[in-house]
């Protein structure tokens, strides 16, 4: 008989550690460089970030602005 916990597995996003980092932030707004994001989550930011950023809502924040020029992402706390 299989363990029930083994049957219930949560999908782990490659950006989960970034979402947790931002979710623990007490600031209304936080701006991170692409390099800082890569250091936090262990993978470089890529085009898939545009899809994954929707996951951040459950942590109380949203990606407000992604600057390709400055290589930064501004995250804002949901009101």
Protein backbone atom coordinates (compact mmCIF):
# COMPACT_ATOMS: atom_id res chain seq x y z
CA UNK A 1 0.00 0.00 0.00
CA UNK A 2 1.39 3.39 -0.97
CA UNK A 3 1.78 6.22 1.47
CA UNK A 4 -0.89 8.90 0.85
CA UNK A 5 1.71 11.64 1.16
CA UNK A 6 3.63 10.14 -1.74
CA UNK A 7 0.50 10.46 -3.90
CA UNK A 8 0.05 14.16 -3.15
CA UNK A 9 2.94 16.05 -4.64
CA UNK A 10 3.04 19.77 -5.09
CA UNK A 11 4.50 21.07 -8.32
CA UNK A 12 7.63 23.03 -7.47
CA UNK A 13 8.23 26.07 -9.62
CA UNK A 14 11.76 27.05 -10.51
CA UNK A 15 10.96 30.46 -9.01
CA UNK A 16 9.51 29.19 -5.68
CA UNK A 17 12.52 30.36 -3.65
CA UNK A 18 12.15 33.83 -5.20
CA UNK A 19 8.44 33.95 -4.36
CA UNK A 20 9.19 32.90 -0.78
CA UNK A 21 11.91 35.55 -0.51
CA UNK A 22 9.57 38.27 -1.76
CA UNK A 23 6.65 36.98 0.32
CA UNK A 24 8.72 37.40 3.50
CA UNK A 25 9.55 40.96 2.55
CA UNK A 26 7.79 43.60 4.65
CA UNK A 27 8.25 46.41 2.16
CA UNK A 28 5.48 47.68 -0.10
CA UNK A 29 7.82 47.62 -3.08
CA UNK A 30 11.06 45.78 -3.85
CA UNK A 31 13.26 46.01 -6.95
CA UNK A 32 15.69 43.22 -7.76
CA UNK A 33 18.23 42.94 -10.57
CA UNK A 34 18.25 39.92 -12.83
CA UNK A 35 21.51 38.86 -11.14
CA UNK A 36 19.94 39.10 -7.67
CA UNK A 37 16.99 37.03 -8.86
CA UNK A 38 19.33 34.38 -10.29
CA UNK A 39 21.25 34.26 -7.00
CA UNK A 40 18.04 33.86 -4.95
CA UNK A 41 16.38 31.17 -7.07
CA UNK A 42 19.44 29.48 -8.56
CA UNK A 43 18.39 29.95 -12.19
CA UNK A 44 18.71 32.92 -14.50
CA UNK A 45 15.57 34.86 -15.34
CA UNK A 46 14.29 33.95 -18.78
CA UNK A 47 11.22 34.37 -20.98
CA UNK A 48 9.29 31.79 -18.93
CA UNK A 49 9.31 34.30 -16.05
CA UNK A 50 6.37 35.99 -17.79
CA UNK A 51 4.30 32.84 -17.23
CA UNK A 52 5.63 31.98 -13.77
CA UNK A 53 5.12 35.50 -12.37
CA UNK A 54 1.40 34.70 -11.96
CA UNK A 55 2.34 32.38 -9.06
CA UNK A 56 3.55 35.36 -7.05
CA UNK A 57 -0.01 36.54 -6.39
CA UNK A 58 -0.47 33.82 -3.77
CA UNK A 59 2.46 35.37 -1.85
CA UNK A 60 0.79 38.78 -1.74
CA UNK A 61 2.87 40.51 -4.41
CA UNK A 62 2.86 41.10 -8.14
CA UNK A 63 5.55 41.84 -10.71
CA UNK A 64 4.76 45.46 -11.49
CA UNK A 65 7.50 46.29 -13.98
CA UNK A 66 10.09 44.23 -15.83
CA UNK A 67 12.85 46.41 -17.30
CA UNK A 68 14.85 44.75 -20.04
CA UNK A 69 16.99 47.89 -20.31
CA UNK A 70 17.93 48.10 -16.61
CA UNK A 71 17.69 44.33 -16.09
CA UNK A 72 15.45 44.74 -13.05
CA UNK A 73 12.05 43.60 -11.85
CA UNK A 74 9.93 45.73 -9.51
CA UNK A 75 7.60 43.79 -7.24
CA UNK A 76 4.70 45.52 -5.46
CA UNK A 77 2.61 44.29 -2.55
CA UNK A 78 -1.04 43.62 -3.47
CA UNK A 79 -3.43 46.04 -1.80
